[in-house]
Amino acid sequence: MNRRYGVFILTLVLASCRSYDFHAPLADQHGLVPADQYARYGQEQAEAVAIAREFGRAAQGRSPEALVRQAEATVSYARSLPDVADVSADPLGYRLTVRFKSGWRTAVNPVADGKSGAETLGMTASNAR
């Protein structure tokens, strides 16, 4: 009887150990407004989607150094857009905070849908400097 409880508790403990892979749930777009549809809402939304796509494309690995390089590459892309005023990165949390010149602030998570930022609807040649 005591062995059963021990096995049950051990099974419960092992089943409750969570994964620390935050990239997969954040990059998964299931249940959200599709990125192309969100990009049609306005110019700043299109730029946010473009930044998110570049963030998803820049994936270089799961080590902290690779995450920092990924965030740095995405931050430099975001700063090249004309409406972006400020960008702050949290590479280990897989998110960027982007503040636009209009004052709108949004969090950007990686979007791994296979498209680049330039392929985003609403992004024209005048958007990317």
Protein backbone atom coordinates (compact mmCIF):
# COMPACT_ATOMS: atom_id res chain seq x y z
CA MET A 1 0.00 0.00 0.00
CA ASN A 2 2.79 2.41 0.90
CA ARG A 3 4.62 1.53 -2.30
CA ARG A 4 1.57 2.50 -4.31
CA TYR A 5 1.49 5.89 -2.65
CA GLY A 6 5.20 6.34 -3.26
CA VAL A 7 4.84 5.43 -6.94
CA PHE A 8 1.79 7.69 -7.24
CA ILE A 9 3.59 10.65 -5.66
CA LEU A 10 6.70 10.06 -7.77
CA THR A 11 4.54 9.93 -10.92
CA LEU A 12 2.74 13.09 -9.87
CA VAL A 13 6.02 14.94 -9.22
CA LEU A 14 7.52 13.88 -12.55
CA ALA A 15 4.36 14.78 -14.44
CA SER A 16 4.26 18.23 -12.89
CA CYS A 17 7.76 19.18 -14.08
CA ARG A 18 7.23 21.77 -16.75
CA SER A 19 9.23 22.49 -19.82
CA TYR A 20 11.21 25.69 -19.90
CA ASP A 21 10.87 26.06 -23.67
CA PHE A 22 9.10 29.41 -23.91
CA HIS A 23 9.78 29.88 -27.61
CA ALA A 24 7.31 27.30 -28.92
CA PRO A 25 4.21 28.62 -27.08
CA LEU A 26 5.06 32.24 -27.87
CA ALA A 27 5.85 31.69 -31.55
CA ASP A 28 2.75 29.56 -32.08
CA GLN A 29 0.06 31.72 -33.63
CA HIS A 30 -2.79 29.24 -33.08
CA GLY A 31 -5.87 31.04 -31.78
CA LEU A 32 -4.59 34.53 -32.53
CA VAL A 33 -5.49 36.96 -35.28
CA PRO A 34 -3.40 35.92 -38.31
CA ALA A 35 -0.33 38.10 -38.76
CA ASP A 36 -1.34 39.24 -42.27
CA GLN A 37 -4.78 40.28 -41.05
CA TYR A 38 -3.32 42.16 -38.07
CA ALA A 39 -0.90 43.95 -40.40
CA ARG A 40 -3.88 45.38 -42.32
CA TYR A 41 -5.09 47.27 -39.23
CA GLY A 42 -2.62 50.12 -39.76
CA GLN A 43 0.90 51.19 -40.51
CA GLU A 44 2.21 50.67 -36.97
CA GLN A 45 0.57 47.26 -36.76
CA ALA A 46 2.24 46.30 -40.05
CA GLU A 47 5.60 47.38 -38.65
CA ALA A 48 4.96 45.39 -35.44
CA VAL A 49 4.21 42.27 -37.51
CA ALA A 50 7.33 42.86 -39.62
CA ILE A 51 9.43 43.11 -36.44
CA ALA A 52 7.82 39.94 -35.07
CA ARG A 53 8.57 38.07 -38.29
CA GLU A 54 12.19 39.18 -38.25
CA PHE A 55 12.35 38.12 -34.60
CA GLY A 56 11.08 34.66 -35.58
CA ARG A 57 13.43 34.38 -38.55
CA ALA A 58 16.50 35.39 -36.55
CA ALA A 59 16.29 32.27 -34.39
CA GLN A 60 19.84 31.01 -34.01
CA GLY A 61 19.57 28.54 -31.16
CA ARG A 62 18.51 28.26 -27.56
CA SER A 63 21.67 29.25 -25.74
CA PRO A 64 21.60 32.60 -23.92
CA GLU A 65 24.29 33.99 -26.24
CA ALA A 66 22.27 33.01 -29.32
CA LEU A 67 19.15 34.59 -27.84
CA VAL A 68 21.00 37.84 -27.22
CA ARG A 69 22.30 37.85 -30.83
CA GLN A 70 18.76 37.17 -32.07
CA ALA A 71 17.39 40.06 -30.03
CA GLU A 72 20.18 42.40 -31.16
CA ALA A 73 19.53 41.60 -34.83
CA THR A 74 15.83 42.23 -34.38
CA VAL A 75 16.38 45.46 -32.45
CA SER A 76 18.61 46.81 -35.23
CA TYR A 77 15.91 45.91 -37.80
CA ALA A 78 13.23 47.60 -35.68
CA ARG A 79 15.26 50.77 -35.31
CA SER A 80 15.56 50.97 -39.10
CA LEU A 81 11.79 51.42 -39.42
CA PRO A 82 10.63 55.05 -39.63
CA ASP A 83 7.83 54.98 -37.03
CA VAL A 84 9.76 53.20 -34.27
CA ALA A 85 10.92 55.50 -31.48
CA ASP A 86 12.39 53.01 -29.01
CA VAL A 87 12.93 49.26 -28.64
CA SER A 88 13.84 47.32 -25.53
CA ALA A 89 14.63 43.62 -25.58
CA ASP A 90 14.11 40.77 -23.17
CA PRO A 91 15.92 38.00 -25.06
CA LEU A 92 15.46 35.30 -22.43
CA GLY A 93 11.73 36.01 -22.32
CA TYR A 94 11.44 36.03 -26.13
CA ARG A 95 9.86 39.46 -26.34
CA LEU A 96 10.58 43.00 -27.39
CA THR A 97 8.82 46.14 -26.26
CA VAL A 98 8.42 48.60 -29.12
CA ARG A 99 7.39 52.23 -28.66
CA PHE A 100 6.26 54.06 -31.76
CA LYS A 101 6.53 57.80 -32.40
CA SER A 102 2.76 58.13 -31.93
CA GLY A 103 3.20 56.92 -28.33
CA TRP A 104 1.73 53.46 -28.90
CA ARG A 105 3.66 50.77 -27.08
CA THR A 106 3.35 47.08 -27.80
CA ALA A 107 5.02 43.81 -26.93
CA VAL A 108 6.37 41.82 -29.86
CA ASN A 109 6.81 38.06 -29.71
CA PRO A 110 8.46 36.02 -32.46
CA VAL A 111 6.25 34.97 -35.37
CA ALA A 112 7.71 31.96 -37.15
CA ASP A 113 5.48 31.74 -40.22
CA GLY A 114 8.27 31.56 -42.79
CA LYS A 115 7.90 35.13 -44.07
CA SER A 116 10.34 38.01 -43.73
CA GLY A 117 9.52 41.46 -42.45
CA ALA A 118 9.63 42.89 -45.99
CA GLU A 119 6.93 40.43 -47.09
CA THR A 120 4.45 41.82 -44.55
CA LEU A 121 1.34 43.43 -45.99
CA GLY A 122 1.50 47.19 -45.59
CA MET A 123 5.28 47.32 -45.65
CA THR A 124 6.54 49.24 -48.65
CA ALA A 125 10.02 50.16 -49.80
CA SER A 126 9.64 53.52 -48.05
CA ASN A 127 9.07 51.76 -44.70
CA ALA A 128 12.41 50.00 -44.51
CA ARG A 129 15.33 52.39 -44.75
